[in-house]
Amino acid sequence: MKRSQQKIITNKSKLIRFLRLSKRVTQEQASVIAHCSKAAIGHYEHGRMDIPATRLELLLIAYG
């Protein structure tokens, strides 16, 4: 089974979704910040993909 078909919600995925929503950043804007696709942001937030450390760092800095 592909990871994209299996959800594993982690604290990291919950955190980046919470921070993005609290800062009123769209997934499209977040994808520009993290240099990835909008779909990847959705997959990170919904536990379908692991979040690479470099992308996590970019998002956390951008979200404050």
Protein backbone atom coordinates (compact mmCIF):
# COMPACT_ATOMS: atom_id res chain seq x y z
CA MET A 1 0.00 0.00 0.00
CA LYS A 2 1.30 3.43 -0.90
CA ARG A 3 1.86 5.81 1.97
CA SER A 4 -0.43 8.31 0.23
CA GLN A 5 -3.28 5.86 0.78
CA GLN A 6 -2.49 5.42 4.47
CA LYS A 7 -2.89 8.24 6.98
CA ILE A 8 -0.52 8.53 9.91
CA ILE A 9 -1.36 11.80 11.65
CA THR A 10 1.68 12.92 13.65
CA ASN A 11 2.17 15.84 15.98
CA LYS A 12 4.23 17.50 13.22
CA SER A 13 1.40 17.24 10.71
CA LYS A 14 -1.11 18.60 13.24
CA LEU A 15 1.25 21.45 14.13
CA ILE A 16 1.93 22.64 10.59
CA ARG A 17 -1.79 22.61 9.75
CA PHE A 18 -2.66 24.50 12.95
CA LEU A 19 0.07 27.09 12.37
CA ARG A 20 -0.85 27.55 8.71
CA LEU A 21 -4.51 28.09 9.52
CA SER A 22 -3.75 30.41 12.45
CA LYS A 23 -1.54 32.56 10.20
CA ARG A 24 -4.23 32.48 7.46
CA VAL A 25 -1.85 31.06 4.89
CA THR A 26 -3.34 29.01 2.06
CA GLN A 27 -1.90 25.67 1.02
CA GLU A 28 -0.87 27.31 -2.24
CA GLN A 29 1.06 30.02 -0.38
CA ALA A 30 2.63 27.38 1.87
CA SER A 31 3.73 25.41 -1.19
CA VAL A 32 5.61 28.46 -2.49
CA ILE A 33 7.29 28.92 0.90
CA ALA A 34 8.32 25.25 1.13
CA HIS A 35 9.26 24.91 -2.57
CA CYS A 36 6.87 22.01 -3.19
CA SER A 37 3.43 21.38 -4.65
CA LYS A 38 0.12 22.30 -3.06
CA ALA A 39 -0.74 18.59 -3.03
CA ALA A 40 2.40 17.86 -1.01
CA ILE A 41 1.32 20.37 1.65
CA GLY A 42 -2.05 18.62 1.87
CA HIS A 43 -0.35 15.23 2.12
CA TYR A 44 1.96 16.49 4.89
CA GLU A 45 -0.95 17.95 6.85
CA HIS A 46 -3.15 14.88 6.48
CA GLY A 47 -0.46 12.33 7.32
CA ARG A 48 -0.13 10.84 3.86
CA MET A 49 3.56 11.78 3.48
CA ASP A 50 6.43 12.28 5.89
CA ILE A 51 7.56 15.89 6.14
CA PRO A 52 11.24 16.32 5.17
CA ALA A 53 13.19 18.20 7.82
CA THR A 54 14.19 20.97 5.41
CA ARG A 55 10.57 21.65 4.41
CA LEU A 56 9.41 21.50 8.00
CA GLU A 57 12.04 24.07 8.94
CA LEU A 58 10.99 26.40 6.10
CA LEU A 59 7.34 26.19 7.12
CA LEU A 60 8.03 26.73 10.81
CA ILE A 61 10.15 29.81 10.08
CA ALA A 62 7.50 31.19 7.71
CA TYR A 63 4.68 30.60 10.16
CA GLY A 64 6.62 32.26 12.97
